[in-house]
N, C-alpha and C. Protein backbone atom coordinates (compact mmCIF):
# COMPACT_ATOMS: atom_id res chain seq x y z
N UNK A 1 -23.68 16.99 -31.80
CA UNK A 1 -23.39 16.74 -29.99
C UNK A 1 -24.40 17.33 -29.42
N UNK A 2 -24.23 16.90 -28.25
CA UNK A 2 -25.23 17.45 -27.19
C UNK A 2 -24.60 18.61 -26.56
N UNK A 3 -25.31 19.27 -25.89
CA UNK A 3 -24.45 20.18 -24.81
C UNK A 3 -23.65 19.95 -23.81
N UNK A 4 -23.75 18.64 -23.26
CA UNK A 4 -22.87 18.32 -22.34
C UNK A 4 -21.65 17.79 -22.90
N UNK A 5 -21.83 17.00 -23.95
CA UNK A 5 -20.65 16.93 -24.53
C UNK A 5 -19.87 18.14 -25.25
N UNK A 6 -20.25 19.27 -25.52
CA UNK A 6 -19.61 20.39 -26.15
C UNK A 6 -19.21 20.69 -24.87
N UNK A 7 -19.66 20.89 -23.56
CA UNK A 7 -19.21 21.43 -22.58
C UNK A 7 -18.07 20.92 -21.75
N UNK A 8 -18.09 19.35 -21.97
CA UNK A 8 -16.93 18.59 -21.47
C UNK A 8 -15.45 18.82 -22.42
N UNK A 9 -15.86 18.82 -23.81
CA UNK A 9 -14.66 19.26 -24.71
C UNK A 9 -14.17 20.51 -24.59
N UNK A 10 -15.06 21.49 -24.30
CA UNK A 10 -14.67 22.91 -23.90
C UNK A 10 -13.89 22.80 -22.70
N UNK A 11 -14.28 22.00 -21.39
CA UNK A 11 -13.19 22.00 -20.56
C UNK A 11 -11.94 21.26 -20.54
N UNK A 12 -11.77 20.46 -21.70
CA UNK A 12 -11.00 19.55 -21.73
C UNK A 12 -9.75 20.45 -22.68
N UNK A 13 -10.11 21.33 -23.25
CA UNK A 13 -9.37 22.15 -24.44
C UNK A 13 -8.08 22.65 -23.75
N UNK A 14 -8.12 23.46 -22.35
CA UNK A 14 -7.19 24.18 -21.80
C UNK A 14 -5.76 23.05 -21.44
N UNK A 15 -6.17 21.84 -20.70
CA UNK A 15 -5.68 20.86 -20.37
C UNK A 15 -5.04 20.60 -21.73
N UNK A 16 -5.44 20.09 -22.63
CA UNK A 16 -4.49 19.33 -23.85
C UNK A 16 -3.61 20.54 -24.50
N UNK A 17 -4.22 21.71 -24.42
CA UNK A 17 -2.91 22.89 -25.04
C UNK A 17 -2.06 22.80 -24.09
N UNK A 18 -1.98 22.67 -22.69
CA UNK A 18 -0.84 22.69 -21.97
C UNK A 18 -0.02 21.37 -22.34
N UNK A 19 -0.84 20.06 -22.39
CA UNK A 19 -0.11 18.77 -22.46
C UNK A 19 0.84 19.04 -23.87
N UNK A 20 0.14 19.61 -24.79
CA UNK A 20 0.92 19.82 -26.07
C UNK A 20 2.21 20.55 -25.65
N UNK A 21 2.08 21.71 -25.11
CA UNK A 21 3.28 22.62 -24.92
C UNK A 21 4.53 21.72 -24.06
N UNK A 22 4.09 20.94 -23.14
CA UNK A 22 4.99 20.20 -22.52
C UNK A 22 5.68 19.41 -23.39
N UNK A 23 5.29 18.75 -24.38
CA UNK A 23 5.80 17.75 -25.40
C UNK A 23 6.02 16.50 -24.53
N UNK A 24 5.17 15.58 -23.87
CA UNK A 24 5.54 14.69 -23.53
C UNK A 24 3.85 13.61 -23.62
N UNK A 25 4.13 12.44 -24.09
CA UNK A 25 3.15 11.61 -24.29
C UNK A 25 1.85 11.86 -23.32
N UNK A 26 0.55 11.74 -24.13
CA UNK A 26 -0.57 12.27 -23.30
C UNK A 26 -1.57 10.80 -22.83
N UNK A 27 -1.84 10.31 -21.62
CA UNK A 27 -2.52 9.44 -21.43
C UNK A 27 -4.36 10.04 -21.29
N UNK A 28 -4.77 9.57 -22.34
CA UNK A 28 -6.23 9.97 -22.45
C UNK A 28 -7.31 9.26 -21.89
N UNK A 29 -8.25 9.57 -21.36
CA UNK A 29 -9.24 8.93 -20.67
C UNK A 29 -10.68 9.14 -20.90
N UNK A 30 -11.55 8.31 -21.61
CA UNK A 30 -12.97 8.54 -22.19
C UNK A 30 -13.91 7.41 -21.41
N UNK A 31 -15.09 8.04 -20.85
CA UNK A 31 -15.67 7.21 -20.04
C UNK A 31 -17.50 7.57 -20.88
N UNK A 32 -17.99 6.02 -20.69
CA UNK A 32 -19.22 6.08 -20.97
C UNK A 32 -20.15 5.32 -19.71
N UNK A 33 -21.32 5.39 -19.77
CA UNK A 33 -22.12 4.81 -18.71
C UNK A 33 -21.47 3.14 -18.57
N UNK A 34 -21.22 2.78 -19.93
CA UNK A 34 -21.13 1.16 -20.19
C UNK A 34 -20.06 1.01 -19.90
N UNK A 35 -18.83 1.70 -20.53
CA UNK A 35 -17.14 1.26 -20.52
C UNK A 35 -16.35 2.54 -20.48
N UNK A 36 -15.08 2.25 -20.13
CA UNK A 36 -14.08 3.15 -20.21
C UNK A 36 -13.07 2.91 -20.84
N UNK A 37 -12.36 3.80 -21.52
CA UNK A 37 -11.20 3.65 -22.53
C UNK A 37 -10.03 4.56 -22.20
N UNK A 38 -8.79 3.91 -22.24
CA UNK A 38 -7.66 4.84 -22.03
C UNK A 38 -6.74 4.64 -23.12
N UNK A 39 -6.15 5.75 -23.71
CA UNK A 39 -5.40 5.63 -24.94
C UNK A 39 -3.87 6.51 -24.43
N UNK A 40 -2.82 5.91 -24.69
CA UNK A 40 -1.68 6.65 -24.88
C UNK A 40 -1.03 7.23 -26.23
N UNK A 41 -1.04 8.58 -26.28
CA UNK A 41 -1.11 9.16 -27.82
C UNK A 41 0.78 9.65 -27.47
N UNK A 42 0.99 9.69 -28.92
CA UNK A 42 2.89 10.29 -29.01
C UNK A 42 2.70 11.63 -28.62
N UNK A 43 3.54 12.43 -28.16
CA UNK A 43 3.90 13.91 -27.81
C UNK A 43 3.20 14.73 -28.82
N UNK A 44 3.44 14.41 -30.43
CA UNK A 44 2.62 15.37 -30.85
C UNK A 44 1.23 14.92 -31.36
N UNK A 45 0.51 13.97 -30.70
CA UNK A 45 -0.78 13.72 -31.09
C UNK A 45 -1.15 12.78 -32.13
N UNK A 46 -0.06 12.44 -32.86
CA UNK A 46 -0.42 11.92 -34.21
C UNK A 46 -0.59 10.40 -33.96
N UNK A 47 0.03 9.64 -33.23
CA UNK A 47 -0.33 8.12 -33.21
C UNK A 47 -0.56 7.76 -31.84
N UNK A 48 -1.35 6.58 -31.87
CA UNK A 48 -1.85 5.94 -30.45
C UNK A 48 -0.71 4.91 -30.16
N UNK A 49 -0.34 5.03 -29.10
CA UNK A 49 1.27 4.25 -28.56
C UNK A 49 0.48 3.08 -27.95
N UNK A 50 -0.46 3.36 -27.20
CA UNK A 50 -0.94 1.81 -26.16
C UNK A 50 -2.46 2.37 -26.01
N UNK A 51 -3.16 1.11 -25.82
CA UNK A 51 -4.93 1.29 -25.44
C UNK A 51 -5.07 0.24 -24.83
N UNK A 52 -6.21 0.81 -24.17
CA UNK A 52 -7.02 -0.29 -23.31
C UNK A 52 -8.53 -0.08 -23.12
N UNK A 53 -9.28 -0.71 -23.23
CA UNK A 53 -10.67 -0.50 -22.90
C UNK A 53 -11.57 -1.73 -22.34
N UNK A 54 -12.78 -1.72 -22.19
CA UNK A 54 -13.13 -2.58 -21.46
C UNK A 54 -13.85 -3.37 -22.58
N UNK A 55 -13.78 -3.23 -23.66
CA UNK A 55 -14.34 -3.70 -24.76
C UNK A 55 -13.78 -4.97 -25.41
N UNK A 56 -12.23 -5.12 -24.70
CA UNK A 56 -11.32 -5.95 -25.01
C UNK A 56 -11.95 -7.23 -24.45
N UNK A 57 -11.86 -8.59 -25.45
CA UNK A 57 -12.48 -9.79 -25.39
C UNK A 57 -11.82 -10.31 -24.02
N UNK A 58 -10.54 -10.19 -23.81
CA UNK A 58 -10.16 -10.87 -22.29
C UNK A 58 -10.42 -10.41 -21.29
N UNK A 59 -10.78 -8.78 -21.46
CA UNK A 59 -11.18 -8.14 -19.94
C UNK A 59 -12.61 -8.36 -20.05
N UNK A 60 -13.40 -8.41 -20.89
CA UNK A 60 -15.02 -8.88 -20.88
C UNK A 60 -15.36 -9.84 -19.91
N UNK A 61 -14.34 -10.69 -20.09
CA UNK A 61 -14.48 -11.89 -18.89
C UNK A 61 -14.41 -11.83 -17.46
N UNK A 62 -13.58 -10.95 -17.27
CA UNK A 62 -13.14 -10.67 -15.87
C UNK A 62 -14.19 -9.22 -15.46
N UNK A 63 -14.70 -8.81 -16.19
CA UNK A 63 -15.40 -7.84 -15.84
C UNK A 63 -17.08 -8.12 -16.25
N UNK A 64 -17.78 -8.12 -15.74
CA UNK A 64 -19.14 -8.24 -15.71
C UNK A 64 -19.73 -7.18 -16.73
N UNK A 65 -19.33 -6.02 -15.98
CA UNK A 65 -20.08 -4.39 -16.04
C UNK A 65 -18.48 -3.73 -16.37
N UNK A 66 -18.85 -2.74 -17.30
CA UNK A 66 -17.47 -2.25 -17.82
C UNK A 66 -17.52 -0.42 -17.15
N UNK A 67 -19.03 -0.49 -16.63
CA UNK A 67 -18.91 1.06 -16.08
C UNK A 67 -19.30 1.25 -14.64
N UNK A 68 -17.81 0.26 -13.79
CA UNK A 68 -17.73 0.53 -12.40
C UNK A 68 -16.25 0.47 -12.31
N UNK A 69 -15.71 1.05 -10.97
CA UNK A 69 -14.50 1.16 -10.40
C UNK A 69 -13.49 0.07 -10.62
N UNK A 70 -14.30 -1.20 -10.24
CA UNK A 70 -13.46 -2.58 -10.48
C UNK A 70 -12.80 -2.27 -12.10
N UNK A 71 -13.63 -1.89 -12.92
CA UNK A 71 -13.32 -2.24 -14.04
C UNK A 71 -12.02 -0.98 -14.57
N UNK A 72 -12.34 -0.05 -14.20
CA UNK A 72 -11.41 1.48 -14.26
C UNK A 72 -9.80 1.01 -13.69
N UNK A 73 -10.07 0.07 -12.51
CA UNK A 73 -8.77 -0.22 -12.07
C UNK A 73 -8.10 -1.02 -12.86
N UNK A 74 -8.77 -2.12 -13.54
CA UNK A 74 -8.35 -3.40 -14.42
C UNK A 74 -7.65 -2.03 -15.61
N UNK A 75 -8.46 -1.55 -16.02
CA UNK A 75 -8.01 -1.02 -17.76
C UNK A 75 -6.73 0.15 -17.02
N UNK A 76 -6.68 0.69 -15.73
CA UNK A 76 -5.46 1.37 -15.46
C UNK A 76 -4.21 0.47 -15.41
N UNK A 77 -4.52 -0.72 -14.88
CA UNK A 77 -3.24 -1.61 -14.70
C UNK A 77 -2.97 -2.21 -16.15
N UNK A 78 -3.87 -2.09 -16.91
CA UNK A 78 -3.59 -2.64 -18.67
C UNK A 78 -2.81 -1.39 -19.35
N UNK A 79 -3.36 -0.01 -19.23
CA UNK A 79 -2.54 0.70 -19.87
C UNK A 79 -1.15 1.27 -19.36
N UNK A 80 -0.77 0.88 -17.93
CA UNK A 80 0.33 0.89 -17.72
C UNK A 80 1.25 -0.17 -18.19
N UNK A 81 1.03 -1.22 -18.25
CA UNK A 81 1.52 -2.33 -18.80
C UNK A 81 1.99 -2.21 -20.25
N UNK A 82 0.56 -1.72 -21.10
CA UNK A 82 1.11 -1.67 -22.39
C UNK A 82 1.69 -0.23 -22.82
N UNK A 83 1.80 0.48 -21.97
CA UNK A 83 2.67 1.93 -22.02
C UNK A 83 4.22 1.46 -21.79
N UNK A 84 4.35 0.62 -20.77
CA UNK A 84 5.75 0.14 -20.61
C UNK A 84 6.31 -0.63 -21.65
N UNK A 85 5.43 -1.67 -22.33
CA UNK A 85 5.63 -2.32 -23.23
C UNK A 85 6.32 -1.53 -24.63
N UNK A 86 5.67 -0.38 -24.51
CA UNK A 86 6.18 0.68 -25.65
C UNK A 86 7.16 1.52 -25.36
N UNK A 87 7.55 1.41 -24.31
CA UNK A 87 8.80 2.33 -23.57
C UNK A 87 8.46 3.50 -22.93
N UNK A 88 7.27 3.65 -22.81
CA UNK A 88 6.98 4.74 -22.16
C UNK A 88 6.82 4.69 -20.64
N UNK A 89 7.11 5.55 -19.69
CA UNK A 89 7.20 5.59 -18.30
C UNK A 89 6.63 6.85 -17.60
N UNK A 90 6.99 7.98 -18.60
CA UNK A 90 6.39 8.99 -18.10
C UNK A 90 5.01 9.62 -19.03
N UNK A 91 3.99 10.12 -18.62
CA UNK A 91 3.00 10.46 -19.30
C UNK A 91 2.37 12.20 -18.50
N UNK A 92 1.75 12.48 -19.37
CA UNK A 92 0.61 13.64 -18.98
C UNK A 92 -0.84 12.99 -18.53
N UNK A 93 -1.47 13.26 -17.90
CA UNK A 93 -2.54 12.77 -17.60
C UNK A 93 -3.76 13.52 -18.31
N UNK A 94 -4.60 13.25 -19.11
CA UNK A 94 -5.54 13.89 -19.77
C UNK A 94 -7.20 13.39 -19.52
N UNK A 95 -7.86 13.98 -18.55
CA UNK A 95 -8.95 13.44 -17.97
C UNK A 95 -10.19 13.77 -18.82
N UNK A 96 -9.97 14.65 -20.14
CA UNK A 96 -11.04 14.45 -20.97
C UNK A 96 -11.93 15.42 -20.57
N UNK A 97 -11.59 16.44 -19.51
CA UNK A 97 -12.94 17.07 -19.28
C UNK A 97 -13.93 16.25 -18.13
N UNK A 98 -13.56 15.09 -17.90
CA UNK A 98 -14.68 14.96 -16.67
C UNK A 98 -13.83 15.16 -15.28
N UNK A 99 -14.46 14.95 -14.17
CA UNK A 99 -13.93 15.32 -13.05
C UNK A 99 -13.29 14.10 -12.51
N UNK A 100 -12.03 14.55 -11.91
CA UNK A 100 -11.17 13.52 -11.14
C UNK A 100 -11.70 13.10 -10.06
N UNK A 101 -12.67 11.96 -10.19
CA UNK A 101 -13.32 11.13 -9.06
C UNK A 101 -13.86 10.05 -9.65
N UNK A 102 -14.21 9.40 -8.95
CA UNK A 102 -14.63 8.03 -9.25
C UNK A 102 -13.90 6.86 -10.18
N UNK A 103 -14.47 6.65 -11.27
CA UNK A 103 -13.98 5.74 -12.31
C UNK A 103 -12.67 6.23 -13.08
N UNK A 104 -12.37 7.64 -13.23
CA UNK A 104 -11.40 8.39 -13.43
C UNK A 104 -10.53 8.46 -12.65
N UNK A 105 -10.39 8.71 -11.46
CA UNK A 105 -9.63 8.92 -10.52
C UNK A 105 -8.92 7.27 -10.18
N UNK A 106 -9.98 6.08 -10.13
CA UNK A 106 -9.45 4.86 -10.03
C UNK A 106 -8.51 4.45 -10.99
N UNK A 107 -9.03 5.07 -12.51
CA UNK A 107 -7.93 4.65 -13.55
C UNK A 107 -6.59 5.21 -13.19
N UNK A 108 -6.26 6.44 -12.87
CA UNK A 108 -5.20 7.10 -12.48
C UNK A 108 -4.54 6.32 -11.89
N UNK A 109 -5.11 6.14 -10.52
CA UNK A 109 -4.43 5.83 -9.27
C UNK A 109 -3.72 4.25 -9.71
N UNK A 110 -4.62 3.30 -10.22
CA UNK A 110 -4.04 2.05 -10.62
C UNK A 110 -3.02 2.32 -11.84
N UNK A 111 -3.23 3.31 -12.65
CA UNK A 111 -1.81 3.64 -13.46
C UNK A 111 -0.60 3.62 -12.68
N UNK A 112 -0.83 4.69 -11.89
CA UNK A 112 0.56 5.10 -11.13
C UNK A 112 1.20 4.01 -10.53
N UNK A 113 0.02 3.04 -9.56
CA UNK A 113 0.55 1.95 -8.77
C UNK A 113 1.25 0.99 -9.80
N UNK A 114 0.87 0.93 -11.10
CA UNK A 114 1.44 -0.14 -12.10
C UNK A 114 2.65 0.38 -12.78
N UNK A 115 3.21 1.75 -12.21
CA UNK A 115 4.49 2.07 -12.84
C UNK A 115 4.43 3.40 -13.48
N UNK A 116 3.09 3.84 -14.12
CA UNK A 116 3.12 5.34 -14.68
C UNK A 116 3.59 6.24 -14.04
N UNK A 117 4.38 7.41 -14.52
CA UNK A 117 4.45 8.40 -13.77
C UNK A 117 3.64 9.72 -14.36
N UNK A 118 3.25 10.15 -13.65
CA UNK A 118 2.51 11.74 -13.97
C UNK A 118 1.94 12.49 -12.81
């Protein structure tokens, strides 16, 4: 792993520990230059209950480039719908050590507008 990745994971560790204490499902976000991914994990972190990413075939047609804010908004809406299908309406947001800015913020705002509470 690169130093950047190690630093990001180090920044994410206290947030994940606090979310584990709370005992609520966790909405985790990961971004790369080309794509953005979101997953809802169970409270114990053992199972993925819902997921969405710009790699999904039906979204690839809607989004030419998965590494922009427009794509993040679509993923935020999609993950909220998938989570509600799984019976989840309240989650804890895990930004994964990324700044709450740009694509990460756009995804979070879109998920809130689509009905997820965090």
